[in-house]
Amino acid sequence: MEYINLGGNEELKVSQVALGCMRMTSLSQNEATSLLETTVNEGINFFDHADIYGAGECEVLFGKALNDSSIKREDIFIQSKCGIRQGMFDFSKEHILSSVDGILQRLDIDYLDVLALHRPDTLVEPEEVAAAFDQLEKTGKVRHFGVSNQKPMQIELLKKSLNQPLLVNQLQFGIMATGMVDQGIHVNMKDDASVDHDGSILDYSRLHDMTIQAWSPYQYGFFEGVFLGNEKFPELNATIDTLAEKYNVTNTGIATAWISRHPANMQTILGTMKESRIKEVAKASDIVLTRQEWYEIYRAAGNILP
């Protein structure tokens, strides 16, 4: 397994692949324990949660599985997110603090390695977020902080008041979700790909050492489905399959290697609850696609170079 410095911090060595726990309630407690053991044995030391996943039940199951396992708490990184409520977003101090208390109780742990704000709240008051973060850091409940799905100016607005660096930003990215890359390639063009929807978030992240955590890396559209092995994308899958055969890995391994190849040092969040899939991705973690292969996949996905 390859490792990166989370947020550019050399003391935070995290696996380039993380396990997202959104679907964990599909498992029994014994299955969840086995999944955690396999994940760590494959070199993955980072687990991503959110307080809304399974209405909190994913965190409960994870906590029980962790206690049943041989895994030491200090050997892994646990991240969770808060801020999404039914019909609204809430970055108020009161909600952030109460959310973290609930997260820690459900996970049955004393601290979070990372707390991320889950999507932007347009009613955010940075001073309230700063007060919450200060209290969480002072009490030892949260060690590091981040955001998800935010643009550079939203991040800058928060940083105006924060006393802690923001280490991560969760953004959808993958072979069929390349908006961050497209607009950078199509600069000074007037085609659809030139439209900058994200405020140059990719370049911003690299400039400020923020780790992009790629969510839904194998999906296309807005949760329309998986593109791997999908007959809707024959050219793309043929290209991926050829490279999978060359490197003796699965198509999932190549799709993950494509993300890892980008010099932004992104972290790919797997959503699978299958141990076999975790092993597939881990096996491919040391593959470094050539520049030609990376662009070959990019073009096979339907992207046009200007």
Protein backbone atom coordinates (compact mmCIF):
# COMPACT_ATOMS: atom_id res chain seq x y z
CA MET A 1 0.00 0.00 0.00
CA GLU A 2 1.26 3.46 -0.91
CA TYR A 3 1.03 6.24 1.68
CA ILE A 4 0.68 10.01 1.48
CA ASN A 5 1.10 12.90 3.90
CA LEU A 6 -2.39 14.01 4.86
CA GLY A 7 -2.67 17.73 4.23
CA GLY A 8 1.06 17.82 3.56
CA ASN A 9 1.76 16.92 7.19
CA GLU A 10 4.73 14.55 7.30
CA GLU A 11 3.60 13.21 10.68
CA LEU A 12 0.30 12.00 9.24
CA LYS A 13 1.14 9.03 7.02
CA VAL A 14 -2.15 7.71 5.67
CA SER A 15 -2.91 5.07 3.08
CA GLN A 16 -3.59 6.46 -0.38
CA VAL A 17 -6.76 4.37 -0.29
CA ALA A 18 -9.34 4.87 2.46
CA LEU A 19 -12.38 2.79 3.31
CA GLY A 20 -15.67 4.67 3.24
CA CYS A 21 -18.16 3.21 5.71
CA MET A 22 -21.44 4.54 4.29
CA ARG A 23 -22.74 1.04 3.47
CA MET A 24 -21.53 -0.73 6.60
CA THR A 25 -25.03 -1.50 7.88
CA SER A 26 -25.32 -4.08 5.09
CA LEU A 27 -22.99 -6.27 7.17
CA SER A 28 -23.43 -8.30 10.31
CA GLN A 29 -21.18 -7.46 13.26
CA ASN A 30 -18.96 -10.47 12.56
CA GLU A 31 -18.73 -9.49 8.89
CA ALA A 32 -17.85 -5.92 9.84
CA THR A 33 -15.10 -7.12 12.16
CA SER A 34 -13.66 -9.33 9.45
CA LEU A 35 -13.83 -6.45 6.97
CA LEU A 36 -11.87 -4.16 9.31
CA GLU A 37 -9.25 -6.82 9.90
CA THR A 38 -8.82 -7.43 6.17
CA THR A 39 -8.67 -3.72 5.43
CA VAL A 40 -5.89 -3.09 7.94
CA ASN A 41 -4.03 -6.23 6.89
CA GLU A 42 -3.99 -4.87 3.33
CA GLY A 43 -2.29 -1.70 4.56
CA ILE A 44 -5.33 0.61 4.62
CA ASN A 45 -5.27 2.65 7.82
CA PHE A 46 -7.89 5.34 7.10
CA PHE A 47 -11.66 5.02 7.65
CA ASP A 48 -14.22 7.62 6.57
CA HIS A 49 -17.60 8.12 8.27
CA ALA A 50 -20.37 10.70 8.50
CA ASP A 51 -22.99 11.12 11.18
CA ILE A 52 -25.75 10.68 8.59
CA TYR A 53 -24.53 7.34 7.23
CA GLY A 54 -27.18 4.83 8.17
CA ALA A 55 -28.64 7.50 10.48
CA GLY A 56 -25.63 6.91 12.73
CA GLU A 57 -25.88 3.12 12.71
CA CYS A 58 -22.77 2.77 10.51
CA GLU A 59 -20.71 4.37 13.26
CA VAL A 60 -22.31 2.15 15.91
CA LEU A 61 -21.49 -1.00 13.95
CA PHE A 62 -17.95 0.18 13.22
CA GLY A 63 -17.35 0.86 16.91
CA LYS A 64 -18.50 -2.60 17.91
CA ALA A 65 -16.44 -4.21 15.13
CA LEU A 66 -13.35 -2.25 16.14
CA ASN A 67 -13.71 -3.38 19.75
CA ASP A 68 -14.10 -6.99 18.61
CA SER A 69 -11.02 -6.80 16.39
CA SER A 70 -7.33 -6.98 17.21
CA ILE A 71 -6.80 -3.51 15.73
CA LYS A 72 -5.30 -0.87 18.01
CA ARG A 73 -7.11 2.45 17.94
CA GLU A 74 -3.83 4.38 17.70
CA ASP A 75 -2.83 2.46 14.56
CA ILE A 76 -5.66 3.79 12.40
CA PHE A 77 -7.12 7.13 11.35
CA ILE A 78 -10.84 7.66 11.85
CA GLN A 79 -12.57 10.54 10.12
CA SER A 80 -16.18 11.58 10.36
CA LYS A 81 -18.27 14.42 8.98
CA CYS A 82 -21.12 16.55 10.27
CA GLY A 83 -23.28 19.44 9.12
CA ILE A 84 -26.05 17.79 7.11
CA ARG A 85 -29.44 17.76 8.81
CA GLN A 86 -32.83 16.86 7.42
CA GLY A 87 -33.72 19.55 4.90
CA MET A 88 -30.86 21.83 5.82
CA PHE A 89 -27.14 22.32 6.50
CA ASP A 90 -25.93 23.43 9.91
CA PHE A 91 -22.41 24.66 10.73
CA SER A 92 -23.45 26.35 13.98
CA LYS A 93 -21.19 25.91 16.99
CA GLU A 94 -23.94 24.15 18.91
CA HIS A 95 -24.59 21.61 16.17
CA ILE A 96 -20.92 20.88 15.49
CA LEU A 97 -20.21 20.24 19.17
CA SER A 98 -23.27 18.07 19.73
CA SER A 99 -22.57 16.16 16.51
CA VAL A 100 -19.03 15.29 17.59
CA ASP A 101 -20.25 14.09 20.97
CA GLY A 102 -22.72 11.82 19.20
CA ILE A 103 -20.11 10.56 16.75
CA LEU A 104 -17.64 9.68 19.49
CA GLN A 105 -20.32 7.93 21.52
CA ARG A 106 -21.48 5.85 18.55
CA LEU A 107 -17.95 4.96 17.48
CA ASP A 108 -17.06 4.27 21.13
CA ILE A 109 -13.76 6.15 20.85
CA ASP A 110 -12.22 9.10 22.68
CA TYR A 111 -11.18 11.21 19.71
CA LEU A 112 -11.50 11.70 15.95
CA ASP A 113 -8.38 12.03 13.87
CA VAL A 114 -10.25 14.24 11.42
CA LEU A 115 -13.59 16.05 11.49
CA ALA A 116 -14.82 17.39 8.16
CA LEU A 117 -17.70 19.77 7.53
CA HIS A 118 -20.13 17.92 5.29
CA ARG A 119 -20.98 20.09 2.24
CA PRO A 120 -21.21 23.91 2.41
CA ASP A 121 -23.67 25.75 4.65
CA THR A 122 -24.52 29.07 3.02
CA LEU A 123 -25.53 30.42 6.45
CA VAL A 124 -22.12 29.61 7.90
CA GLU A 125 -20.63 32.03 10.39
CA PRO A 126 -16.88 31.34 10.39
CA GLU A 127 -16.49 32.66 13.93
CA GLU A 128 -18.88 29.98 15.21
CA VAL A 129 -17.02 27.25 13.35
CA ALA A 130 -13.74 28.55 14.77
CA ALA A 131 -15.13 28.54 18.30
CA ALA A 132 -16.33 24.96 17.87
CA PHE A 133 -13.02 23.79 16.42
CA ASP A 134 -11.05 25.50 19.19
CA GLN A 135 -13.13 23.77 21.85
CA LEU A 136 -12.89 20.38 20.14
CA GLU A 137 -9.13 20.70 19.80
CA LYS A 138 -8.68 21.92 23.39
CA THR A 139 -10.69 19.03 24.81
CA GLY A 140 -8.86 16.52 22.62
CA LYS A 141 -12.02 15.31 20.93
CA VAL A 142 -10.75 16.18 17.42
CA ARG A 143 -7.14 16.36 16.30
CA HIS A 144 -7.46 17.67 12.72
CA PHE A 145 -10.08 19.30 10.53
CA GLY A 146 -11.28 19.50 6.95
CA VAL A 147 -14.23 20.12 4.65
CA SER A 148 -16.10 18.45 1.84
CA ASN A 149 -17.37 19.71 -1.52
CA GLN A 150 -16.14 23.25 -0.98
CA LYS A 151 -14.66 25.79 -3.37
CA PRO A 152 -11.53 27.86 -2.70
CA MET A 153 -13.35 31.02 -1.63
CA GLN A 154 -15.56 29.08 0.78
CA ILE A 155 -12.44 27.58 2.29
CA GLU A 156 -10.78 30.99 2.48
CA LEU A 157 -13.83 32.37 4.26
CA LEU A 158 -13.50 29.69 6.93
CA LYS A 159 -9.73 30.13 7.20
CA LYS A 160 -10.26 33.82 7.97
CA SER A 161 -11.35 32.81 11.47
CA LEU A 162 -9.89 29.34 12.02
CA ASN A 163 -6.82 28.66 14.14
CA GLN A 164 -6.33 25.19 12.65
CA PRO A 165 -5.37 24.22 9.09
CA LEU A 166 -7.93 22.46 6.91
CA LEU A 167 -6.21 19.28 5.79
CA VAL A 168 -8.78 17.63 3.51
CA ASN A 169 -11.54 18.37 1.04
CA GLN A 170 -13.80 15.57 -0.12
CA LEU A 171 -14.71 15.99 -3.79
CA GLN A 172 -16.15 13.64 -6.36
CA PHE A 173 -13.42 12.57 -8.72
CA GLY A 174 -12.76 9.60 -10.95
CA ILE A 175 -12.48 8.59 -14.57
CA MET A 176 -16.09 9.62 -15.27
CA ALA A 177 -16.08 12.64 -12.95
CA THR A 178 -13.25 14.80 -14.24
CA GLY A 179 -14.61 18.34 -14.02
CA MET A 180 -11.68 19.53 -11.91
CA VAL A 181 -9.28 18.37 -14.61
CA ASP A 182 -11.34 19.33 -17.67
CA GLN A 183 -11.49 23.06 -17.02
CA GLY A 184 -7.74 23.19 -16.45
CA ILE A 185 -7.08 21.54 -19.80
CA HIS A 186 -9.61 23.67 -21.68
CA VAL A 187 -8.38 27.06 -20.46
CA ASN A 188 -9.14 29.91 -22.87
CA MET A 189 -11.71 27.78 -24.71
CA LYS A 190 -15.45 28.31 -25.14
CA ASP A 191 -16.60 24.70 -25.05
CA ASP A 192 -18.51 23.01 -22.19
CA ALA A 193 -15.36 21.50 -20.71
CA SER A 194 -13.87 24.96 -20.18
CA VAL A 195 -16.53 25.93 -17.64
CA ASP A 196 -14.99 26.19 -14.17
CA HIS A 197 -17.61 24.95 -11.72
CA ASP A 198 -15.25 24.61 -8.77
CA GLY A 199 -13.09 27.73 -8.67
CA SER A 200 -9.90 25.93 -9.73
CA ILE A 201 -10.14 23.74 -6.63
CA LEU A 202 -7.58 21.26 -7.96
CA ASP A 203 -4.83 23.87 -8.30
CA TYR A 204 -5.89 25.51 -5.04
CA SER A 205 -5.59 22.21 -3.19
CA ARG A 206 -2.09 21.63 -4.52
CA LEU A 207 -1.01 25.17 -3.66
CA HIS A 208 -2.30 24.85 -0.09
CA ASP A 209 -1.39 21.21 0.57
CA MET A 210 -5.00 20.12 1.03
CA THR A 211 -5.58 16.45 0.37
CA ILE A 212 -8.43 15.82 -2.03
CA GLN A 213 -10.39 12.76 -0.98
CA ALA A 214 -12.05 11.33 -4.08
CA TRP A 215 -15.53 10.02 -3.30
CA SER A 216 -17.65 7.76 -5.56
CA PRO A 217 -14.56 7.16 -7.72
CA TYR A 218 -16.17 4.44 -9.86
CA GLN A 219 -19.53 6.14 -10.43
CA TYR A 220 -20.79 8.13 -13.39
CA GLY A 221 -23.33 10.92 -13.32
CA PHE A 222 -25.06 11.74 -10.06
CA PHE A 223 -25.16 8.25 -8.56
CA GLU A 224 -26.35 6.78 -11.86
CA GLY A 225 -24.23 3.68 -11.52
CA VAL A 226 -20.76 2.18 -11.88
CA PHE A 227 -18.95 2.63 -15.19
CA LEU A 228 -16.68 -0.39 -14.77
CA GLY A 229 -17.95 -3.30 -16.83
CA ASN A 230 -20.86 -1.17 -17.99
CA GLU A 231 -21.89 -1.75 -21.61
CA LYS A 232 -22.65 1.97 -21.94
CA PHE A 233 -18.91 2.63 -22.03
CA PRO A 234 -17.35 0.02 -24.34
CA GLU A 235 -14.26 2.00 -25.40
CA LEU A 236 -13.42 3.02 -21.84
CA ASN A 237 -13.78 -0.49 -20.46
CA ALA A 238 -11.76 -1.97 -23.30
CA THR A 239 -8.93 0.44 -22.52
CA ILE A 240 -9.10 -0.25 -18.79
CA ASP A 241 -9.27 -4.02 -19.31
CA THR A 242 -6.20 -3.96 -21.58
CA LEU A 243 -4.20 -2.14 -18.90
CA ALA A 244 -5.56 -4.44 -16.20
CA GLU A 245 -4.21 -7.40 -18.13
CA LYS A 246 -0.87 -5.65 -18.64
CA TYR A 247 -0.43 -4.95 -14.93
CA ASN A 248 -2.09 -8.19 -13.78
CA VAL A 249 -4.75 -6.43 -11.69
CA THR A 250 -8.51 -5.87 -11.92
CA ASN A 251 -10.34 -3.03 -13.64
CA THR A 252 -11.03 -1.54 -10.20
CA GLY A 253 -7.30 -1.50 -9.55
CA ILE A 254 -6.65 0.43 -12.77
CA ALA A 255 -9.45 2.90 -12.04
CA THR A 256 -7.87 3.55 -8.65
CA ALA A 257 -4.35 3.79 -10.07
CA TRP A 258 -5.65 6.42 -12.51
CA ILE A 259 -6.65 8.63 -9.57
CA SER A 260 -3.43 7.97 -7.66
CA ARG A 261 -1.33 8.86 -10.72
CA HIS A 262 -2.32 12.51 -10.48
CA PRO A 263 0.47 14.50 -8.77
CA ALA A 264 -2.07 16.11 -6.42
CA ASN A 265 -1.63 12.96 -4.27
CA MET A 266 -5.33 12.37 -3.84
CA GLN A 267 -6.79 9.81 -1.47
CA THR A 268 -9.36 7.46 -3.00
CA ILE A 269 -12.31 6.55 -0.81
CA LEU A 270 -13.58 3.04 -1.48
CA GLY A 271 -17.24 2.44 -0.80
CA THR A 272 -17.12 -1.33 -1.07
CA MET A 273 -18.00 -3.71 1.74
CA LYS A 274 -16.45 -6.67 -0.07
CA GLU A 275 -13.13 -7.96 1.20
CA SER A 276 -12.22 -9.24 -2.25
CA ARG A 277 -12.58 -5.75 -3.73
CA ILE A 278 -10.39 -4.28 -1.02
CA LYS A 279 -7.70 -6.84 -1.83
CA GLU A 280 -8.00 -6.02 -5.54
CA VAL A 281 -7.37 -2.34 -4.95
CA ALA A 282 -4.57 -2.95 -2.47
CA LYS A 283 -2.79 -5.18 -4.98
CA ALA A 284 -2.78 -2.33 -7.50
CA SER A 285 -1.69 0.37 -5.07
CA ASP A 286 1.92 0.44 -6.28
CA ILE A 287 1.03 0.78 -9.97
CA VAL A 288 2.14 4.06 -11.54
CA LEU A 289 0.48 4.54 -14.90
CA THR A 290 2.53 6.24 -17.58
CA ARG A 291 1.54 9.68 -18.74
CA GLN A 292 0.44 8.13 -22.04
CA GLU A 293 -1.73 5.53 -20.29
CA TRP A 294 -3.34 8.16 -18.05
CA TYR A 295 -4.33 10.29 -21.03
CA GLU A 296 -5.42 7.24 -22.99
CA ILE A 297 -7.95 6.42 -20.29
CA TYR A 298 -9.00 10.07 -20.06
CA ARG A 299 -9.72 10.20 -23.79
CA ALA A 300 -11.46 6.79 -23.78
CA ALA A 301 -13.88 8.23 -21.22
CA GLY A 302 -15.09 10.62 -23.92
CA ASN A 303 -12.91 13.61 -23.13
CA ILE A 304 -11.44 15.61 -26.01
CA LEU A 305 -8.07 17.32 -25.83
CA PRO A 306 -8.06 20.82 -27.36
